[in-house]
Amino acid sequence: MQFQGALTALVTPFHNNEIDEERFRAHIEDQIVRGIHGLVPCGTTGESATMTHEEHKQAIKICVDQAKGRVPVLAGAGSNNTREAIELTTFAKQAGADGTLHITPYYNKPTQAGVVAHFQAIAREVPMPMIVYNVPGRTGLNVLPETLAKLHATVPEVVGVKEASGNINQMSQVIEHCGPDFTVLAGDDFVVLPLLSLGGKGVISVLSNLLPDKMASLCEAYAHADLEKAKGLHYELAPLCRAMFLETNPIPVKTSLALMGRLELSLRLPLVPMQPENEAKLREDLSRAGLL
């Protein structure tokens, strides 16, 4: 159960269209100091889709180095090209990451059998813990509970799933089919508490870029059976969870961090700054939460 509790899907700060290493390190350090349970560089929130392979490797290396073993690092290493996923996974292992997060192959739209073959191939070449990232809204592919159960049974390296289908019934079926030793993490901040109640282990969170202490506390409160505290934090964070998706992730979270003075607002095309009316709503939510 290495990957549990609140793990942050880290933003990647840029300056002059290059990784801003100083601010990236500062952001990682702030996360650790404020009690986050794990770090996820090079995911969707980190804009991995517009990173070169060298930048991807640089971000993982910086994160592992800054974490210094204090919390686990789950490095994004997914691709719709199995050979590319193997290359990125190989680097993540060599860099010292504790595990890798793999988005399911997008655009190709493989069959469920193809998904299993994809992960089997990666595990054969680079045996290390892997979390499947199921996000049908971005990939056009939904990994079924039965498929995850087959992966769990045949690929020991696949230790869990980041479930971002938004379907709580499907998440329940994954836990039912895969059992308690399979790590099911929420891929959406607004379902953390419901998923924990079903036997989920935590969340890979966007919002924790802003409030790592609060998201970690929610997970810890549930683990210690303090249901009133967990429920209170769920409702306290709910408006900000919605605000993080006023536009495509990571536009709102990076805008929030910029408004808070934590980084420069630098997005890579085709992502663009927020529409004025949405930014105004975001400012209201941040102010109401005491972040501005």
Protein backbone atom coordinates (compact mmCIF):
# COMPACT_ATOMS: atom_id res chain seq x y z
CA MET A 1 0.00 0.00 0.00
CA GLN A 2 2.80 2.40 -0.89
CA PHE A 3 0.55 4.77 -2.81
CA GLN A 4 -2.28 5.84 -0.57
CA GLY A 5 -3.74 8.95 1.00
CA ALA A 6 -3.36 12.24 -0.84
CA LEU A 7 -0.91 12.36 -3.74
CA THR A 8 -0.56 15.58 -5.70
CA ALA A 9 -0.75 15.62 -9.48
CA LEU A 10 1.95 18.26 -9.70
CA VAL A 11 1.75 21.26 -12.01
CA THR A 12 4.92 22.00 -13.96
CA PRO A 13 6.03 25.64 -13.61
CA PHE A 14 7.45 27.12 -16.81
CA HIS A 15 9.52 30.25 -17.48
CA ASN A 16 10.38 31.34 -21.00
CA ASN A 17 8.70 28.11 -22.10
CA GLU A 18 11.21 25.98 -20.17
CA ILE A 19 10.80 24.14 -16.86
CA ASP A 20 11.26 26.61 -14.01
CA GLU A 21 13.39 24.34 -11.81
CA GLU A 22 13.61 26.75 -8.87
CA ARG A 23 9.85 27.16 -8.58
CA PHE A 24 9.24 23.48 -9.26
CA ARG A 25 11.53 22.52 -6.39
CA ALA A 26 9.91 25.12 -4.13
CA HIS A 27 6.45 23.78 -4.98
CA ILE A 28 7.52 20.20 -4.25
CA GLU A 29 9.09 21.23 -0.95
CA ASP A 30 5.94 23.09 0.08
CA GLN A 31 3.89 19.98 -0.63
CA ILE A 32 6.09 17.80 1.55
CA VAL A 33 6.33 20.29 4.42
CA ARG A 34 2.53 20.60 4.46
CA GLY A 35 1.98 16.88 4.81
CA ILE A 36 1.25 15.47 1.38
CA HIS A 37 1.50 11.68 1.14
CA GLY A 38 2.97 11.39 -2.35
CA LEU A 39 3.93 13.23 -5.53
CA VAL A 40 2.97 12.62 -9.15
CA PRO A 41 5.08 14.50 -11.72
CA CYS A 42 4.39 14.41 -15.45
CA GLY A 43 0.70 13.66 -15.39
CA THR A 44 -2.08 15.51 -17.16
CA THR A 45 -1.87 18.33 -14.61
CA GLY A 46 1.86 18.59 -15.31
CA GLU A 47 1.19 19.16 -19.03
CA SER A 48 3.11 16.03 -19.98
CA ALA A 49 1.36 16.00 -23.37
CA THR A 50 3.37 19.05 -24.47
CA MET A 51 6.70 18.06 -22.90
CA THR A 52 9.60 16.72 -24.89
CA HIS A 53 11.09 13.45 -23.68
CA GLU A 54 14.04 15.37 -22.25
CA GLU A 55 11.73 17.69 -20.32
CA HIS A 56 9.72 14.74 -19.10
CA LYS A 57 12.87 13.11 -17.76
CA GLN A 58 14.06 16.40 -16.27
CA ALA A 59 10.82 16.86 -14.33
CA ILE A 60 10.96 13.33 -12.91
CA LYS A 61 14.62 13.72 -11.96
CA ILE A 62 13.96 17.04 -10.19
CA CYS A 63 11.00 15.59 -8.29
CA VAL A 64 12.86 12.48 -7.11
CA ASP A 65 15.86 14.56 -6.08
CA GLN A 66 13.79 17.12 -4.16
CA ALA A 67 11.65 14.49 -2.43
CA LYS A 68 14.75 12.66 -1.18
CA GLY A 69 12.70 9.63 -0.20
CA ARG A 70 10.49 11.53 2.23
CA VAL A 71 7.34 10.67 0.25
CA PRO A 72 6.85 8.26 -2.66
CA VAL A 73 7.14 9.56 -6.21
CA LEU A 74 4.74 8.09 -8.77
CA ALA A 75 6.10 9.28 -12.10
CA GLY A 76 3.91 9.71 -15.16
CA ALA A 77 5.26 7.39 -17.86
CA GLY A 78 2.26 6.57 -20.01
CA SER A 79 1.87 6.70 -23.78
CA ASN A 80 -0.34 5.38 -26.54
CA ASN A 81 2.86 3.91 -27.98
CA THR A 82 3.89 0.88 -25.93
CA ARG A 83 7.55 1.21 -26.87
CA GLU A 84 7.53 4.85 -25.76
CA ALA A 85 5.88 3.88 -22.46
CA ILE A 86 8.64 1.32 -21.92
CA GLU A 87 11.29 3.99 -22.58
CA LEU A 88 9.73 6.46 -20.13
CA THR A 89 9.24 3.74 -17.51
CA THR A 90 12.85 2.67 -17.87
CA PHE A 91 14.00 6.21 -17.19
CA ALA A 92 11.64 6.63 -14.23
CA LYS A 93 13.03 3.48 -12.63
CA GLN A 94 16.62 4.54 -13.24
CA ALA A 95 15.87 7.99 -11.79
CA GLY A 96 14.64 6.43 -8.56
CA ALA A 97 10.86 6.84 -8.85
CA ASP A 98 8.91 4.51 -6.58
CA GLY A 99 6.36 3.68 -9.26
CA THR A 100 4.85 4.86 -12.52
CA LEU A 101 1.45 6.16 -13.56
CA HIS A 102 0.27 5.00 -16.97
CA ILE A 103 -2.55 6.60 -18.89
CA THR A 104 -4.27 3.98 -20.99
CA PRO A 105 -3.45 4.14 -24.71
CA TYR A 106 -5.40 7.03 -26.20
CA TYR A 107 -6.46 7.66 -29.80
CA ASN A 108 -5.52 4.10 -30.85
CA LYS A 109 -8.57 2.85 -28.87
CA PRO A 110 -7.27 -0.67 -28.25
CA THR A 111 -9.59 -3.45 -27.17
CA GLN A 112 -9.63 -4.56 -23.54
CA ALA A 113 -7.28 -7.39 -24.60
CA GLY A 114 -4.97 -4.76 -26.09
CA VAL A 115 -4.92 -2.88 -22.79
CA VAL A 116 -3.85 -6.04 -20.97
CA ALA A 117 -1.15 -6.74 -23.58
CA HIS A 118 0.13 -3.14 -23.28
CA PHE A 119 0.72 -3.45 -19.54
CA GLN A 120 2.10 -6.96 -19.82
CA ALA A 121 4.69 -5.69 -22.30
CA ILE A 122 5.76 -2.81 -20.05
CA ALA A 123 6.03 -5.08 -17.00
CA ARG A 124 8.16 -7.61 -18.88
CA GLU A 125 10.67 -4.96 -19.88
CA VAL A 126 10.63 -2.80 -16.73
CA PRO A 127 9.31 -4.57 -13.63
CA MET A 128 8.26 -1.90 -11.14
CA PRO A 129 4.99 -0.85 -9.46
CA MET A 130 2.49 0.65 -11.91
CA ILE A 131 -0.81 2.46 -11.47
CA VAL A 132 -3.25 2.38 -14.40
CA TYR A 133 -4.80 5.77 -15.16
CA ASN A 134 -8.36 5.31 -16.40
CA VAL A 135 -9.75 8.59 -17.76
CA PRO A 136 -12.25 7.81 -20.54
CA GLY A 137 -13.11 11.48 -21.07
CA ARG A 138 -9.58 12.12 -22.36
CA THR A 139 -8.69 8.78 -23.95
CA GLY A 140 -11.93 7.53 -25.49
CA LEU A 141 -11.30 4.23 -23.71
CA ASN A 142 -12.82 2.90 -20.49
CA VAL A 143 -10.90 0.16 -18.68
CA LEU A 144 -13.55 -2.21 -17.35
CA PRO A 145 -13.46 -3.70 -13.83
CA GLU A 146 -13.01 -7.18 -15.33
CA THR A 147 -9.96 -5.95 -17.25
CA LEU A 148 -8.39 -4.49 -14.13
CA ALA A 149 -9.06 -7.77 -12.33
CA LYS A 150 -7.26 -9.64 -15.12
CA LEU A 151 -4.32 -7.23 -14.91
CA HIS A 152 -4.22 -7.62 -11.14
CA ALA A 153 -4.17 -11.41 -11.50
CA THR A 154 -1.61 -11.65 -14.33
CA VAL A 155 0.65 -8.60 -13.94
CA PRO A 156 1.90 -8.25 -10.33
CA GLU A 157 3.47 -4.90 -11.21
CA VAL A 158 0.00 -3.39 -11.73
CA VAL A 159 -0.77 -2.51 -8.13
CA GLY A 160 -3.69 -0.15 -8.61
CA VAL A 161 -5.72 2.29 -10.66
CA LYS A 162 -6.35 6.01 -10.73
CA GLU A 163 -10.07 5.99 -11.47
CA ALA A 164 -11.27 9.13 -13.28
CA SER A 165 -14.32 7.70 -14.99
CA GLY A 166 -16.56 9.67 -12.63
CA ASN A 167 -18.62 6.50 -12.23
CA ILE A 168 -18.78 5.57 -8.55
CA ASN A 169 -20.58 2.30 -9.38
CA GLN A 170 -17.67 1.30 -11.62
CA MET A 171 -15.19 2.15 -8.85
CA SER A 172 -17.16 -0.05 -6.46
CA GLN A 173 -17.02 -2.90 -8.97
CA VAL A 174 -13.25 -2.50 -9.36
CA ILE A 175 -12.82 -2.93 -5.60
CA GLU A 176 -15.28 -5.84 -5.63
CA HIS A 177 -13.44 -7.62 -8.46
CA CYS A 178 -9.85 -6.83 -7.43
CA GLY A 179 -10.02 -7.11 -3.65
CA PRO A 180 -8.62 -5.00 -0.81
CA ASP A 181 -4.95 -5.35 -1.77
CA PHE A 182 -5.53 -3.49 -5.07
CA THR A 183 -5.09 0.26 -4.70
CA VAL A 184 -7.98 2.29 -6.08
CA LEU A 185 -7.28 6.04 -6.08
CA ALA A 186 -9.75 8.76 -6.98
CA GLY A 187 -8.88 10.64 -10.14
CA ASP A 188 -11.38 13.40 -9.32
CA ASP A 189 -11.19 15.44 -6.13
CA PHE A 190 -14.95 15.52 -5.62
CA VAL A 191 -15.27 11.73 -5.18
CA VAL A 192 -12.52 11.21 -2.60
CA LEU A 193 -14.79 10.68 0.41
CA PRO A 194 -17.33 8.46 -1.39
CA LEU A 195 -14.50 6.32 -2.77
CA LEU A 196 -12.82 6.01 0.64
CA SER A 197 -16.13 4.80 2.05
CA LEU A 198 -16.15 1.98 -0.54
CA GLY A 199 -12.60 0.87 0.25
CA GLY A 200 -10.58 3.19 -1.95
CA LYS A 201 -7.12 4.16 -0.73
CA GLY A 202 -6.96 7.89 -1.53
CA VAL A 203 -6.65 10.36 -4.38
CA ILE A 204 -4.30 11.71 -7.02
CA SER A 205 -5.38 15.29 -6.53
CA VAL A 206 -5.37 18.51 -8.53
CA LEU A 207 -6.64 20.65 -5.66
CA SER A 208 -3.81 19.57 -3.36
CA ASN A 209 -1.49 21.74 -5.44
CA LEU A 210 -3.18 24.55 -3.48
CA LEU A 211 -4.14 22.80 -0.24
CA PRO A 212 -2.01 19.69 0.34
CA ASP A 213 -2.62 19.86 4.10
CA LYS A 214 -6.42 19.88 3.71
CA MET A 215 -6.57 17.00 1.25
CA ALA A 216 -4.12 14.98 3.33
CA SER A 217 -6.19 15.71 6.44
CA LEU A 218 -9.37 14.50 4.74
CA CYS A 219 -7.73 11.14 3.93
CA GLU A 220 -6.18 10.87 7.40
CA ALA A 221 -9.45 11.71 9.14
CA TYR A 222 -11.23 8.91 7.29
CA ALA A 223 -8.40 6.47 8.04
CA HIS A 224 -8.76 7.28 11.74
CA ALA A 225 -12.56 6.88 11.61
CA ASP A 226 -13.15 10.57 12.26
CA LEU A 227 -16.06 10.68 9.85
CA GLU A 228 -17.36 14.06 10.96
CA LYS A 229 -14.01 15.71 10.26
CA ALA A 230 -13.70 13.93 6.91
CA LYS A 231 -17.21 14.99 5.92
CA GLY A 232 -16.56 18.57 7.04
CA LEU A 233 -13.42 18.77 4.90
CA HIS A 234 -15.27 17.22 1.94
CA TYR A 235 -17.86 20.01 1.98
CA GLU A 236 -15.31 22.70 2.77
CA LEU A 237 -13.25 21.75 -0.29
CA ALA A 238 -16.21 21.08 -2.62
CA PRO A 239 -16.42 24.63 -4.09
CA LEU A 240 -12.70 24.65 -4.88
CA CYS A 241 -12.90 21.14 -6.36
CA ARG A 242 -15.49 22.49 -8.80
CA ALA A 243 -13.43 25.64 -9.43
CA MET A 244 -10.44 23.57 -10.54
CA PHE A 245 -12.56 22.41 -13.49
CA LEU A 246 -14.15 25.68 -14.57
CA GLU A 247 -12.00 25.14 -17.65
CA THR A 248 -9.71 22.36 -18.82
CA ASN A 249 -7.23 21.14 -16.21
CA PRO A 250 -4.56 22.45 -15.50
CA ILE A 251 -5.66 25.95 -16.57
CA PRO A 252 -7.56 26.83 -13.36
CA VAL A 253 -5.04 25.33 -10.93
CA LYS A 254 -2.08 27.09 -12.60
CA THR A 255 -4.08 30.32 -12.70
CA SER A 256 -4.80 29.90 -8.98
CA LEU A 257 -1.13 29.36 -8.13
CA ALA A 258 -0.20 32.41 -10.20
CA LEU A 259 -2.81 34.56 -8.42
CA MET A 260 -1.36 33.32 -5.12
CA GLY A 261 2.13 34.37 -6.24
CA ARG A 262 3.45 30.83 -6.33
CA LEU A 263 4.41 30.62 -10.00
CA GLU A 264 4.30 32.44 -13.31
CA LEU A 265 1.18 31.79 -15.36
CA SER A 266 2.73 29.99 -18.28
CA LEU A 267 0.64 27.50 -20.23
CA ARG A 268 1.67 25.64 -23.32
CA LEU A 269 -0.47 25.81 -26.42
CA PRO A 270 -3.05 24.63 -27.17
CA LEU A 271 -3.93 25.59 -23.57
CA VAL A 272 -4.66 29.31 -23.18
CA PRO A 273 -5.48 31.63 -20.24
CA MET A 274 -8.94 31.47 -18.69
CA GLN A 275 -11.88 33.36 -20.10
CA PRO A 276 -12.41 36.56 -18.03
CA GLU A 277 -15.77 35.49 -16.62
CA ASN A 278 -14.34 32.15 -15.45
CA GLU A 279 -11.28 33.79 -13.95
CA ALA A 280 -13.55 36.16 -12.03
CA LYS A 281 -15.47 33.18 -10.63
CA LEU A 282 -12.20 31.48 -9.73
CA ARG A 283 -11.01 34.60 -7.88
CA GLU A 284 -14.25 34.64 -5.90
CA ASP A 285 -13.84 31.01 -4.87
CA LEU A 286 -10.18 31.50 -3.91
CA SER A 287 -11.01 34.62 -1.90
CA ARG A 288 -13.87 32.86 -0.12
CA ALA A 289 -11.44 30.08 0.83
CA GLY A 290 -8.93 32.62 2.20
CA LEU A 291 -6.32 31.90 -0.46
CA LEU A 292 -6.21 35.44 -1.87
